[in-house]
Amino acid sequence: MARRLAAALAITASLLLGGCGADYGVDQHGNTVKAEQVEGHWLVLNYWAEWCGPCRTEIPELNAAAKQWDAQGIKVLGVNFDGLQGADLKAAAETLGIGFTVLAQDPAERYELPRSEALPVTYIIDDKGKVREQLLGEQTLKGLQAKIKALKGGA
């Protein structure tokens, strides 16, 4: 009986603590996106759709940002607005030439993001997990750089 109680308490504790540092699901390639890959970093979280013209235009800018910022610990993540999963998500990401990580699971609840009615929409999230900015419409690398620099206090 004591063993069962101890096991039940251990499972309950792991479930309660699991909300902190929980993984982010899988990416467009089916690879697990570990919490340590994302948490503690500034994030540029972009919602896109295949049918969205401005989304298609900004993808190369976001690809350039992802390459340039990786060494600085700034992560670019995408989320498909239509909730595509598996092979459909991979195909859509390939069609648009997305080179950054696309999350199959929407992290909106984790960051308390409202559902946007317009696309594209990009959120800048600081290294503490706080949403610092919501940017509607097409973004450029230069504009995102300036916004992040300002939010970081010019650092």
N, C-alpha and C. Protein backbone atom coordinates (compact mmCIF):
# COMPACT_ATOMS: atom_id res chain seq x y z
N MET A 1 0.81 -1.19 0.00
CA MET A 1 0.00 0.00 0.00
C MET A 1 0.86 1.27 0.00
N ALA A 2 1.92 1.26 0.81
CA ALA A 2 2.81 2.42 0.87
C ALA A 2 3.49 2.64 -0.46
N ARG A 3 3.83 1.55 -1.16
CA ARG A 3 4.47 1.67 -2.48
C ARG A 3 3.52 2.31 -3.49
N ARG A 4 2.28 1.89 -3.46
CA ARG A 4 1.29 2.46 -4.38
C ARG A 4 1.09 3.95 -4.12
N LEU A 5 1.00 4.29 -2.86
CA LEU A 5 0.83 5.69 -2.49
C LEU A 5 2.04 6.51 -2.93
N ALA A 6 3.25 5.99 -2.71
CA ALA A 6 4.47 6.69 -3.13
C ALA A 6 4.51 6.83 -4.64
N ALA A 7 4.12 5.79 -5.36
CA ALA A 7 4.11 5.84 -6.82
C ALA A 7 3.09 6.86 -7.32
N ALA A 8 1.91 6.86 -6.69
CA ALA A 8 0.87 7.81 -7.08
C ALA A 8 1.32 9.25 -6.83
N LEU A 9 1.96 9.47 -5.68
CA LEU A 9 2.48 10.81 -5.38
C LEU A 9 3.56 11.23 -6.36
N ALA A 10 4.43 10.31 -6.74
CA ALA A 10 5.51 10.61 -7.69
C ALA A 10 4.93 10.97 -9.06
N ILE A 11 3.93 10.21 -9.48
CA ILE A 11 3.30 10.49 -10.78
C ILE A 11 2.59 11.84 -10.74
N THR A 12 1.86 12.10 -9.67
CA THR A 12 1.15 13.38 -9.52
C THR A 12 2.14 14.55 -9.53
N ALA A 13 3.22 14.41 -8.80
CA ALA A 13 4.23 15.48 -8.75
C ALA A 13 4.84 15.71 -10.12
N SER A 14 5.14 14.65 -10.85
CA SER A 14 5.75 14.83 -12.17
C SER A 14 4.77 15.48 -13.14
N LEU A 15 3.48 15.15 -13.02
CA LEU A 15 2.49 15.78 -13.88
C LEU A 15 2.33 17.26 -13.55
N LEU A 16 2.32 17.60 -12.26
CA LEU A 16 2.18 19.00 -11.87
C LEU A 16 3.39 19.82 -12.29
N LEU A 17 4.57 19.25 -12.13
CA LEU A 17 5.79 19.96 -12.50
C LEU A 17 6.03 19.92 -14.00
N GLY A 18 5.37 19.02 -14.69
CA GLY A 18 5.57 18.85 -16.13
C GLY A 18 5.15 20.06 -16.94
N GLY A 19 4.27 20.90 -16.39
CA GLY A 19 3.85 22.09 -17.12
C GLY A 19 5.00 23.06 -17.31
N CYS A 20 5.92 23.09 -16.38
CA CYS A 20 7.10 23.94 -16.49
C CYS A 20 8.15 23.16 -17.25
N GLY A 21 8.65 23.73 -18.31
CA GLY A 21 9.69 23.06 -19.06
C GLY A 21 9.18 21.94 -19.93
N ALA A 22 7.87 21.86 -20.18
CA ALA A 22 7.33 20.82 -21.05
C ALA A 22 7.79 21.08 -22.48
N ASP A 23 8.03 20.00 -23.20
CA ASP A 23 8.46 20.13 -24.59
C ASP A 23 7.37 20.81 -25.43
N TYR A 24 7.77 21.26 -26.61
CA TYR A 24 6.89 22.02 -27.49
C TYR A 24 6.27 21.16 -28.59
N GLY A 25 6.25 19.85 -28.40
CA GLY A 25 5.69 18.97 -29.41
C GLY A 25 6.73 18.66 -30.48
N VAL A 26 6.26 18.53 -31.72
CA VAL A 26 7.16 18.21 -32.82
C VAL A 26 7.17 19.35 -33.83
N ASP A 27 8.21 19.32 -34.67
CA ASP A 27 8.32 20.31 -35.74
C ASP A 27 7.79 19.73 -37.05
N GLN A 28 7.99 20.46 -38.13
CA GLN A 28 7.47 20.05 -39.43
C GLN A 28 8.13 18.76 -39.95
N HIS A 29 9.23 18.37 -39.35
CA HIS A 29 9.93 17.14 -39.76
C HIS A 29 9.64 15.98 -38.82
N GLY A 30 8.81 16.22 -37.81
CA GLY A 30 8.48 15.18 -36.85
C GLY A 30 9.47 15.06 -35.71
N ASN A 31 10.43 16.00 -35.62
CA ASN A 31 11.42 15.98 -34.54
C ASN A 31 10.87 16.69 -33.31
N THR A 32 11.16 16.15 -32.13
CA THR A 32 10.71 16.77 -30.88
C THR A 32 11.43 18.10 -30.68
N VAL A 33 10.67 19.11 -30.34
CA VAL A 33 11.22 20.42 -30.02
C VAL A 33 11.29 20.47 -28.50
N LYS A 34 12.49 20.31 -27.97
CA LYS A 34 12.71 20.25 -26.52
C LYS A 34 12.57 21.64 -25.90
N ALA A 35 12.09 21.67 -24.67
CA ALA A 35 11.91 22.93 -23.95
C ALA A 35 13.22 23.71 -23.88
N GLU A 36 14.33 23.00 -23.65
CA GLU A 36 15.61 23.70 -23.51
C GLU A 36 16.09 24.34 -24.82
N GLN A 37 15.51 23.94 -25.95
CA GLN A 37 15.85 24.57 -27.23
C GLN A 37 15.18 25.93 -27.37
N VAL A 38 14.10 26.14 -26.61
CA VAL A 38 13.27 27.33 -26.78
C VAL A 38 13.33 28.25 -25.56
N GLU A 39 13.11 27.67 -24.38
CA GLU A 39 13.01 28.49 -23.18
C GLU A 39 14.35 29.13 -22.83
N GLY A 40 14.27 30.35 -22.31
CA GLY A 40 15.48 31.09 -21.98
C GLY A 40 16.05 31.86 -23.16
N HIS A 41 15.35 31.82 -24.29
CA HIS A 41 15.77 32.54 -25.50
C HIS A 41 14.70 33.56 -25.88
N TRP A 42 15.11 34.61 -26.54
CA TRP A 42 14.15 35.51 -27.17
C TRP A 42 13.57 34.76 -28.35
N LEU A 43 12.26 34.91 -28.57
CA LEU A 43 11.58 34.21 -29.64
C LEU A 43 10.89 35.19 -30.58
N VAL A 44 10.94 34.86 -31.84
CA VAL A 44 10.14 35.54 -32.85
C VAL A 44 9.19 34.45 -33.34
N LEU A 45 7.93 34.55 -32.93
CA LEU A 45 6.93 33.52 -33.20
C LEU A 45 5.98 34.02 -34.26
N ASN A 46 6.01 33.38 -35.42
CA ASN A 46 5.28 33.85 -36.59
C ASN A 46 4.17 32.87 -36.97
N TYR A 47 2.97 33.41 -37.12
CA TYR A 47 1.83 32.61 -37.61
C TYR A 47 1.68 32.88 -39.10
N TRP A 48 1.58 31.81 -39.88
CA TRP A 48 1.53 31.90 -41.34
C TRP A 48 0.51 30.90 -41.89
N ALA A 49 0.16 31.11 -43.14
CA ALA A 49 -0.70 30.17 -43.87
C ALA A 49 -0.24 30.15 -45.32
N GLU A 50 -0.45 29.02 -45.95
CA GLU A 50 -0.04 28.85 -47.35
C GLU A 50 -0.78 29.82 -48.28
N TRP A 51 -2.03 30.13 -47.98
CA TRP A 51 -2.86 30.98 -48.82
C TRP A 51 -2.64 32.47 -48.59
N CYS A 52 -1.78 32.82 -47.64
CA CYS A 52 -1.55 34.22 -47.25
C CYS A 52 -0.40 34.81 -48.06
N GLY A 53 -0.73 35.76 -48.94
CA GLY A 53 0.28 36.39 -49.79
C GLY A 53 1.39 37.08 -49.01
N PRO A 54 1.07 37.94 -48.04
CA PRO A 54 2.13 38.59 -47.26
C PRO A 54 3.00 37.59 -46.48
N CYS A 55 2.39 36.47 -46.07
CA CYS A 55 3.17 35.43 -45.39
C CYS A 55 4.26 34.90 -46.32
N ARG A 56 3.88 34.65 -47.54
CA ARG A 56 4.83 34.13 -48.54
C ARG A 56 5.97 35.12 -48.77
N THR A 57 5.65 36.40 -48.76
CA THR A 57 6.66 37.43 -48.98
C THR A 57 7.63 37.55 -47.81
N GLU A 58 7.13 37.38 -46.59
CA GLU A 58 8.00 37.56 -45.43
C GLU A 58 8.82 36.32 -45.06
N ILE A 59 8.49 35.15 -45.58
CA ILE A 59 9.22 33.93 -45.23
C ILE A 59 10.73 34.06 -45.50
N PRO A 60 11.16 34.58 -46.65
CA PRO A 60 12.61 34.74 -46.85
C PRO A 60 13.26 35.65 -45.81
N GLU A 61 12.55 36.67 -45.36
CA GLU A 61 13.06 37.57 -44.31
C GLU A 61 13.23 36.80 -43.00
N LEU A 62 12.24 35.97 -42.67
CA LEU A 62 12.31 35.17 -41.45
C LEU A 62 13.40 34.10 -41.54
N ASN A 63 13.56 33.52 -42.73
CA ASN A 63 14.66 32.55 -42.93
C ASN A 63 16.00 33.21 -42.67
N ALA A 64 16.19 34.42 -43.21
CA ALA A 64 17.45 35.15 -43.01
C ALA A 64 17.64 35.48 -41.53
N ALA A 65 16.56 35.87 -40.86
CA ALA A 65 16.63 36.19 -39.43
C ALA A 65 17.04 34.96 -38.63
N ALA A 66 16.43 33.83 -38.94
CA ALA A 66 16.74 32.59 -38.21
C ALA A 66 18.21 32.23 -38.34
N LYS A 67 18.76 32.35 -39.53
CA LYS A 67 20.18 32.03 -39.74
C LYS A 67 21.08 33.03 -39.00
N GLN A 68 20.76 34.30 -39.12
CA GLN A 68 21.58 35.36 -38.55
C GLN A 68 21.54 35.36 -37.02
N TRP A 69 20.38 35.08 -36.43
CA TRP A 69 20.19 35.22 -35.00
C TRP A 69 20.48 33.97 -34.19
N ASP A 70 20.61 32.83 -34.83
CA ASP A 70 20.79 31.58 -34.08
C ASP A 70 21.97 31.67 -33.11
N ALA A 71 23.08 32.22 -33.56
CA ALA A 71 24.27 32.34 -32.70
C ALA A 71 24.04 33.31 -31.54
N GLN A 72 23.08 34.22 -31.69
CA GLN A 72 22.78 35.20 -30.63
C GLN A 72 21.73 34.67 -29.65
N GLY A 73 21.24 33.47 -29.88
CA GLY A 73 20.24 32.89 -28.99
C GLY A 73 18.83 33.39 -29.22
N ILE A 74 18.58 34.00 -30.38
CA ILE A 74 17.22 34.42 -30.74
C ILE A 74 16.67 33.37 -31.68
N LYS A 75 15.52 32.81 -31.34
CA LYS A 75 14.93 31.73 -32.12
C LYS A 75 13.74 32.23 -32.93
N VAL A 76 13.68 31.81 -34.18
CA VAL A 76 12.52 32.08 -35.02
C VAL A 76 11.73 30.78 -35.10
N LEU A 77 10.46 30.87 -34.73
CA LEU A 77 9.56 29.71 -34.76
C LEU A 77 8.32 30.08 -35.56
N GLY A 78 7.81 29.12 -36.28
CA GLY A 78 6.58 29.33 -37.03
C GLY A 78 5.47 28.45 -36.52
N VAL A 79 4.24 28.89 -36.77
CA VAL A 79 3.05 28.10 -36.46
C VAL A 79 2.10 28.26 -37.64
N ASN A 80 1.62 27.13 -38.15
CA ASN A 80 0.66 27.19 -39.24
C ASN A 80 -0.71 27.59 -38.70
N PHE A 81 -1.25 28.66 -39.23
CA PHE A 81 -2.53 29.21 -38.79
C PHE A 81 -3.67 28.22 -38.93
N ASP A 82 -3.60 27.37 -39.95
CA ASP A 82 -4.66 26.41 -40.24
C ASP A 82 -4.55 25.11 -39.45
N GLY A 83 -3.53 25.00 -38.61
CA GLY A 83 -3.39 23.81 -37.77
C GLY A 83 -2.98 22.56 -38.51
N LEU A 84 -2.28 22.72 -39.64
CA LEU A 84 -1.82 21.54 -40.38
C LEU A 84 -0.91 20.69 -39.51
N GLN A 85 -0.93 19.39 -39.73
CA GLN A 85 -0.14 18.45 -38.96
C GLN A 85 0.57 17.48 -39.90
N GLY A 86 1.59 16.83 -39.39
CA GLY A 86 2.26 15.73 -40.10
C GLY A 86 2.73 16.08 -41.50
N ALA A 87 2.39 15.21 -42.44
CA ALA A 87 2.84 15.37 -43.83
C ALA A 87 2.30 16.65 -44.46
N ASP A 88 1.09 17.05 -44.08
CA ASP A 88 0.51 18.28 -44.62
C ASP A 88 1.31 19.50 -44.17
N LEU A 89 1.71 19.51 -42.91
CA LEU A 89 2.52 20.62 -42.39
C LEU A 89 3.87 20.66 -43.08
N LYS A 90 4.50 19.50 -43.21
CA LYS A 90 5.81 19.43 -43.87
C LYS A 90 5.71 19.92 -45.31
N ALA A 91 4.69 19.48 -46.03
CA ALA A 91 4.52 19.89 -47.43
C ALA A 91 4.30 21.40 -47.56
N ALA A 92 3.46 21.97 -46.70
CA ALA A 92 3.20 23.41 -46.75
C ALA A 92 4.46 24.20 -46.44
N ALA A 93 5.21 23.76 -45.43
CA ALA A 93 6.46 24.44 -45.08
C ALA A 93 7.46 24.36 -46.22
N GLU A 94 7.53 23.21 -46.88
CA GLU A 94 8.44 23.06 -48.02
C GLU A 94 7.99 23.92 -49.20
N THR A 95 6.70 23.97 -49.44
CA THR A 95 6.16 24.79 -50.53
C THR A 95 6.56 26.25 -50.37
N LEU A 96 6.53 26.74 -49.12
CA LEU A 96 6.88 28.13 -48.85
C LEU A 96 8.38 28.32 -48.64
N GLY A 97 9.14 27.24 -48.61
CA GLY A 97 10.59 27.34 -48.44
C GLY A 97 10.99 27.73 -47.02
N ILE A 98 10.21 27.32 -46.04
CA ILE A 98 10.50 27.68 -44.66
C ILE A 98 11.71 26.89 -44.17
N GLY A 99 12.72 27.61 -43.70
CA GLY A 99 13.95 26.99 -43.20
C GLY A 99 14.04 26.97 -41.69
N PHE A 100 13.15 27.68 -41.00
CA PHE A 100 13.17 27.71 -39.54
C PHE A 100 12.20 26.66 -39.00
N THR A 101 12.23 26.46 -37.70
CA THR A 101 11.38 25.46 -37.05
C THR A 101 9.92 25.89 -37.07
N VAL A 102 9.06 24.98 -37.52
CA VAL A 102 7.62 25.19 -37.48
C VAL A 102 7.05 24.21 -36.46
N LEU A 103 6.37 24.75 -35.48
CA LEU A 103 5.78 23.92 -34.43
C LEU A 103 4.45 23.34 -34.90
N ALA A 104 4.29 22.04 -34.71
CA ALA A 104 3.02 21.40 -35.05
C ALA A 104 1.95 21.73 -34.00
N GLN A 105 2.38 21.94 -32.76
CA GLN A 105 1.47 22.32 -31.68
C GLN A 105 1.54 23.82 -31.47
N ASP A 106 0.40 24.45 -31.49
CA ASP A 106 0.33 25.90 -31.29
C ASP A 106 0.64 26.24 -29.82
N PRO A 107 1.66 27.07 -29.57
CA PRO A 107 1.99 27.44 -28.19
C PRO A 107 1.18 28.63 -27.66
N ALA A 108 0.08 28.97 -28.32
CA ALA A 108 -0.70 30.14 -27.92
C ALA A 108 -1.13 30.09 -26.47
N GLU A 109 -1.56 28.94 -26.00
CA GLU A 109 -2.01 28.83 -24.61
C GLU A 109 -0.85 29.04 -23.65
N ARG A 110 0.30 28.50 -23.99
CA ARG A 110 1.49 28.62 -23.15
C ARG A 110 1.86 30.09 -22.94
N TYR A 111 1.72 30.89 -24.00
CA TYR A 111 2.09 32.31 -23.93
C TYR A 111 0.88 33.24 -23.79
N GLU A 112 -0.30 32.65 -23.63
CA GLU A 112 -1.54 33.42 -23.48
C GLU A 112 -1.75 34.38 -24.65
N LEU A 113 -1.59 33.86 -25.87
CA LEU A 113 -1.75 34.66 -27.07
C LEU A 113 -3.20 34.65 -27.53
N PRO A 114 -3.71 35.80 -27.95
CA PRO A 114 -5.06 35.82 -28.50
C PRO A 114 -5.05 35.23 -29.91
N ARG A 115 -6.17 34.73 -30.34
CA ARG A 115 -6.29 34.23 -31.72
C ARG A 115 -6.37 35.45 -32.63
N SER A 116 -5.44 35.55 -33.54
CA SER A 116 -5.42 36.70 -34.45
C SER A 116 -6.37 36.46 -35.62
N GLU A 117 -7.03 37.49 -36.04
CA GLU A 117 -7.93 37.42 -37.19
C GLU A 117 -7.23 37.85 -38.46
N ALA A 118 -6.00 38.31 -38.34
CA ALA A 118 -5.25 38.79 -39.50
C ALA A 118 -3.93 38.04 -39.59
N LEU A 119 -3.45 37.87 -40.79
CA LEU A 119 -2.15 37.23 -41.04
C LEU A 119 -1.34 38.11 -41.98
N PRO A 120 -0.03 38.00 -41.88
CA PRO A 120 0.70 37.30 -40.84
C PRO A 120 0.68 38.09 -39.53
N VAL A 121 0.92 37.37 -38.46
CA VAL A 121 1.07 38.00 -37.14
C VAL A 121 2.31 37.39 -36.50
N THR A 122 3.11 38.26 -35.91
CA THR A 122 4.37 37.84 -35.30
C THR A 122 4.42 38.37 -33.87
N TYR A 123 4.83 37.50 -32.96
CA TYR A 123 4.98 37.88 -31.56
C TYR A 123 6.46 37.84 -31.20
N ILE A 124 6.90 38.84 -30.47
CA ILE A 124 8.25 38.82 -29.92
C ILE A 124 8.10 38.51 -28.43
N ILE A 125 8.76 37.43 -28.03
CA ILE A 125 8.67 36.93 -26.67
C ILE A 125 10.06 36.97 -26.06
N ASP A 126 10.17 37.54 -24.87
CA ASP A 126 11.50 37.68 -24.27
C ASP A 126 11.99 36.37 -23.65
N ASP A 127 13.20 36.41 -23.13
CA ASP A 127 13.84 35.21 -22.60
C ASP A 127 13.22 34.71 -21.30
N LYS A 128 12.26 35.46 -20.77
CA LYS A 128 11.52 35.04 -19.56
C LYS A 128 10.16 34.46 -19.93
N GLY A 129 9.84 34.45 -21.24
CA GLY A 129 8.56 33.92 -21.71
C GLY A 129 7.45 34.94 -21.74
N LYS A 130 7.79 36.23 -21.61
CA LYS A 130 6.79 37.29 -21.62
C LYS A 130 6.64 37.85 -23.04
N VAL A 131 5.39 37.95 -23.50
CA VAL A 131 5.12 38.53 -24.81
C VAL A 131 5.39 40.02 -24.72
N ARG A 132 6.31 40.49 -25.55
CA ARG A 132 6.71 41.89 -25.51
C ARG A 132 6.08 42.72 -26.63
N GLU A 133 5.72 42.05 -27.73
CA GLU A 133 5.20 42.80 -28.87
C GLU A 133 4.38 41.88 -29.77
N GLN A 134 3.29 42.44 -30.32
CA GLN A 134 2.51 41.76 -31.34
C GLN A 134 2.61 42.61 -32.59
N LEU A 135 3.07 42.02 -33.67
CA LEU A 135 3.28 42.75 -34.92
C LEU A 135 2.35 42.18 -35.98
N LEU A 136 1.43 43.00 -36.47
CA LEU A 136 0.52 42.57 -37.52
C LEU A 136 1.08 42.93 -38.87
N GLY A 137 0.90 42.06 -39.84
CA GLY A 137 1.35 42.32 -41.20
C GLY A 137 2.76 41.81 -41.45
N GLU A 138 3.16 41.98 -42.68
CA GLU A 138 4.45 41.49 -43.16
C GLU A 138 5.62 42.19 -42.46
N GLN A 139 6.58 41.39 -42.01
CA GLN A 139 7.76 41.91 -41.32
C GLN A 139 9.00 41.75 -42.19
N THR A 140 9.99 42.61 -41.93
CA THR A 140 11.28 42.52 -42.61
C THR A 140 12.36 42.23 -41.58
N LEU A 141 13.47 41.71 -42.05
CA LEU A 141 14.60 41.44 -41.15
C LEU A 141 15.03 42.73 -40.47
N LYS A 142 15.17 43.80 -41.23
CA LYS A 142 15.62 45.08 -40.68
C LYS A 142 14.65 45.59 -39.62
N GLY A 143 13.36 45.51 -39.89
CA GLY A 143 12.35 45.96 -38.93
C GLY A 143 12.35 45.13 -37.66
N LEU A 144 12.49 43.81 -37.80
CA LEU A 144 12.53 42.93 -36.63
C LEU A 144 13.78 43.18 -35.81
N GLN A 145 14.91 43.41 -36.49
CA GLN A 145 16.16 43.70 -35.77
C GLN A 145 16.00 44.95 -34.92
N ALA A 146 15.44 45.99 -35.50
CA ALA A 146 15.26 47.26 -34.79
C ALA A 146 14.32 47.08 -33.60
N LYS A 147 13.24 46.32 -33.79
CA LYS A 147 12.27 46.12 -32.73
C LYS A 147 12.89 45.34 -31.57
N ILE A 148 13.62 44.27 -31.87
CA ILE A 148 14.26 43.46 -30.82
C ILE A 148 15.32 44.28 -30.08
N LYS A 149 16.09 45.05 -30.83
CA LYS A 149 17.11 45.89 -30.20
C LYS A 149 16.48 46.87 -29.22
N ALA A 150 15.37 47.49 -29.65
CA ALA A 150 14.68 48.44 -28.77
C ALA A 150 14.11 47.75 -27.53
N LEU A 151 13.53 46.56 -27.72
CA LEU A 151 12.94 45.84 -26.60
C LEU A 151 14.01 45.37 -25.61
N LYS A 152 15.18 45.07 -26.12
CA LYS A 152 16.27 44.63 -25.26
C LYS A 152 16.99 45.82 -24.61
N GLY A 153 16.52 47.00 -24.89
CA GLY A 153 17.13 48.19 -24.30
C GLY A 153 18.36 48.65 -25.02
N GLY A 154 18.37 48.41 -26.35
CA GLY A 154 19.50 48.88 -27.17
C GLY A 154 20.72 48.00 -27.08
N ALA A 155 20.62 46.88 -26.39
CA ALA A 155 21.79 45.98 -26.24
C ALA A 155 22.16 45.33 -27.54
